[in-house]
Amino acid sequence: MKSRFIASLALGAAVVLGATGCNMLAPQATTIEYSASDGRNVPESGPLKVRNAMIIANEDGSLGNLIGGVVNSTDEDLVLNVGIGSDLQTLPVPARSSVSIGVTSAPMLFENLGAAPGSDVEVSFQSGDGEGTAVAIPILDGTLPYYTEFVPTPLATPGD
């Protein structure tokens, strides 16, 4: 009788471990960080946090408009440095505030992206004393109605 009881306990323990053991080895999906939109969140590039960064480009990718959100949770005014290739632009972000690039600030236009909509382009982000980071940012076009207002028009050339 004792051996049956011990055997049933062992069998019960084996079933419980077998049914729940996978959770001990598999990563939990809720702990994996990801960008939940069309853009990308930029990993640590300094004290400023860049969220949902994307480029809305014209059809051939010769001109792109960087849009996204920048959050400054520090007590000092900071500058975000953004670069694509040799083109470097800056964006001032006041202390304890957020800026929507191209919405609450002037558009940040980049020429000659070297890639067309549907691909990615490497963009460098740096702020404060941060080392900075380069991230592959998606290039989108105006196919989706809510992006049409962000499609850039060709820049005027001198003499036009």
Protein backbone atom coordinates (compact mmCIF):
# COMPACT_ATOMS: atom_id res chain seq x y z
CA MET A 1 0.00 0.00 0.00
CA LYS A 2 2.83 2.38 0.89
CA SER A 3 4.60 1.70 -2.40
CA ARG A 4 1.41 2.52 -4.37
CA PHE A 5 1.07 5.84 -2.55
CA ILE A 6 4.73 6.76 -3.22
CA ALA A 7 4.41 5.69 -6.86
CA SER A 8 1.29 7.83 -7.34
CA LEU A 9 3.06 10.84 -5.76
CA ALA A 10 6.06 10.32 -8.04
CA LEU A 11 3.80 10.01 -11.07
CA GLY A 12 1.89 13.16 -10.06
CA ALA A 13 5.14 15.10 -9.60
CA ALA A 14 6.37 13.93 -13.02
CA VAL A 15 3.14 15.06 -14.67
CA VAL A 16 3.25 18.48 -12.97
CA LEU A 17 6.92 19.05 -13.92
CA GLY A 18 6.34 17.77 -17.42
CA ALA A 19 3.39 20.07 -17.97
CA THR A 20 4.98 23.21 -16.51
CA GLY A 21 8.69 22.66 -17.08
CA CYS A 22 8.65 24.42 -20.44
CA ASN A 23 8.06 27.74 -18.72
CA MET A 24 11.32 27.35 -16.84
CA LEU A 25 13.32 27.22 -20.08
CA ALA A 26 11.36 29.33 -22.58
CA PRO A 27 11.57 33.14 -22.44
CA GLN A 28 8.38 34.92 -21.44
CA ALA A 29 7.03 36.94 -24.35
CA THR A 30 5.93 39.76 -22.07
CA THR A 31 9.53 40.46 -21.02
CA ILE A 32 10.82 40.95 -24.59
CA GLU A 33 10.97 44.64 -25.57
CA TYR A 34 9.94 45.55 -29.10
CA SER A 35 8.65 48.50 -31.10
CA ALA A 36 4.90 48.13 -31.30
CA SER A 37 4.47 50.43 -34.30
CA ASP A 38 5.92 50.97 -37.76
CA GLY A 39 8.98 52.79 -36.40
CA ARG A 40 11.80 51.67 -34.13
CA ASN A 41 12.70 52.62 -30.59
CA VAL A 42 16.36 53.60 -30.35
CA PRO A 43 18.36 51.83 -27.66
CA GLU A 44 20.34 53.95 -25.22
CA SER A 45 22.02 56.73 -27.21
CA GLY A 46 22.33 59.18 -24.35
CA PRO A 47 19.94 60.82 -21.90
CA LEU A 48 17.35 61.54 -24.61
CA LYS A 49 14.99 58.68 -25.48
CA VAL A 50 14.00 58.30 -29.14
CA ARG A 51 10.77 56.42 -29.76
CA ASN A 52 9.01 55.18 -32.92
CA ALA A 53 11.59 56.64 -35.32
CA MET A 54 10.85 56.15 -39.02
CA ILE A 55 11.57 57.91 -42.28
CA ILE A 56 8.77 58.84 -44.64
CA ALA A 57 10.30 59.18 -48.11
CA ASN A 58 9.25 60.12 -51.61
CA GLU A 59 8.89 57.34 -54.19
CA ASP A 60 12.56 57.00 -55.16
CA GLY A 61 13.99 57.59 -51.68
CA SER A 62 15.90 60.69 -52.77
CA LEU A 63 14.35 62.71 -49.93
CA GLY A 64 13.25 61.48 -46.52
CA ASN A 65 11.49 63.02 -43.56
CA LEU A 66 12.50 61.62 -40.15
CA ILE A 67 9.57 61.47 -37.74
CA GLY A 68 9.35 60.10 -34.22
CA GLY A 69 9.21 61.12 -30.58
CA VAL A 70 12.04 62.37 -28.37
CA VAL A 71 11.70 62.47 -24.58
CA ASN A 72 13.95 64.49 -22.29
CA SER A 73 13.42 63.38 -18.68
CA THR A 74 16.42 65.34 -17.37
CA ASP A 75 16.50 68.78 -15.74
CA GLU A 76 18.62 70.35 -18.50
CA ASP A 77 18.01 71.36 -22.11
CA LEU A 78 19.72 68.87 -24.46
CA VAL A 79 20.40 68.45 -28.16
CA LEU A 80 19.75 65.31 -30.19
CA ASN A 81 22.32 64.74 -32.96
CA VAL A 82 20.96 62.72 -35.89
CA GLY A 83 23.08 61.58 -38.81
CA ILE A 84 22.55 59.70 -42.05
CA GLY A 85 25.82 59.25 -43.90
CA SER A 86 27.62 62.60 -43.80
CA ASP A 87 24.41 64.59 -43.24
CA LEU A 88 24.22 65.60 -39.55
CA GLN A 89 21.28 67.50 -38.07
CA THR A 90 20.44 68.63 -34.55
CA LEU A 91 17.22 68.96 -32.60
CA PRO A 92 16.99 70.95 -29.33
CA VAL A 93 14.83 69.28 -26.68
CA PRO A 94 13.90 71.36 -23.60
CA ALA A 95 14.23 69.90 -20.10
CA ARG A 96 11.37 67.71 -18.84
CA SER A 97 9.55 67.70 -22.18
CA SER A 98 8.97 65.73 -25.34
CA VAL A 99 9.23 66.70 -28.98
CA SER A 100 7.56 65.03 -31.94
CA ILE A 101 10.04 65.31 -34.81
CA GLY A 102 8.27 66.80 -37.81
CA VAL A 103 5.05 67.41 -35.88
CA THR A 104 5.79 69.76 -32.93
CA SER A 105 9.19 70.64 -34.42
CA ALA A 106 10.39 71.52 -37.90
CA PRO A 107 10.73 68.60 -40.32
CA MET A 108 14.10 66.86 -40.32
CA LEU A 109 14.73 66.24 -44.03
CA PHE A 110 17.57 64.08 -45.36
CA GLU A 111 18.62 63.94 -49.02
CA ASN A 112 19.98 60.91 -50.86
CA LEU A 113 19.00 58.20 -48.40
CA GLY A 114 20.56 55.54 -50.60
CA ALA A 115 17.52 53.32 -50.07
CA ALA A 116 13.92 53.24 -51.25
CA PRO A 117 10.71 52.86 -49.23
CA GLY A 118 10.33 49.34 -47.91
CA SER A 119 13.94 49.07 -46.80
CA ASP A 120 15.99 50.33 -43.85
CA VAL A 121 18.69 52.97 -43.58
CA GLU A 122 21.30 53.27 -40.84
CA VAL A 123 20.73 56.37 -38.73
CA SER A 124 23.04 57.57 -35.92
CA PHE A 125 21.57 59.08 -32.75
CA GLN A 126 23.54 60.77 -29.96
CA SER A 127 22.69 63.10 -27.08
CA GLY A 128 24.38 64.55 -23.99
CA ASP A 129 27.48 62.64 -22.90
CA GLY A 130 26.11 59.43 -24.45
CA GLU A 131 28.28 57.46 -26.81
CA GLY A 132 25.50 57.31 -29.40
CA THR A 133 24.25 54.41 -31.46
CA ALA A 134 23.44 53.55 -35.07
CA VAL A 135 20.09 51.88 -35.75
CA ALA A 136 18.45 50.55 -38.91
CA ILE A 137 15.38 52.76 -39.28
CA PRO A 138 12.56 51.73 -41.66
CA ILE A 139 11.77 53.84 -44.71
CA LEU A 140 8.06 54.13 -45.46
CA ASP A 141 6.10 56.02 -48.10
CA GLY A 142 2.70 57.68 -48.26
CA THR A 143 0.78 54.50 -49.10
CA LEU A 144 -0.89 54.52 -45.69
CA PRO A 145 -3.23 57.54 -45.45
CA TYR A 146 -1.93 58.72 -42.09
CA TYR A 147 1.61 59.10 -43.52
CA THR A 148 0.71 61.06 -46.66
CA GLU A 149 1.09 64.44 -44.93
CA PHE A 150 4.69 63.54 -44.02
CA VAL A 151 5.89 62.65 -47.55
CA PRO A 152 8.45 65.33 -48.41
CA THR A 153 8.30 67.31 -51.62
CA PRO A 154 11.53 67.83 -53.58
CA LEU A 155 13.68 70.65 -52.32
CA ALA A 156 13.99 73.70 -54.58
CA THR A 157 17.31 73.89 -56.40
CA PRO A 158 19.16 77.20 -56.71
CA GLY A 159 17.94 79.14 -59.74
CA ASP A 160 14.36 77.78 -59.61
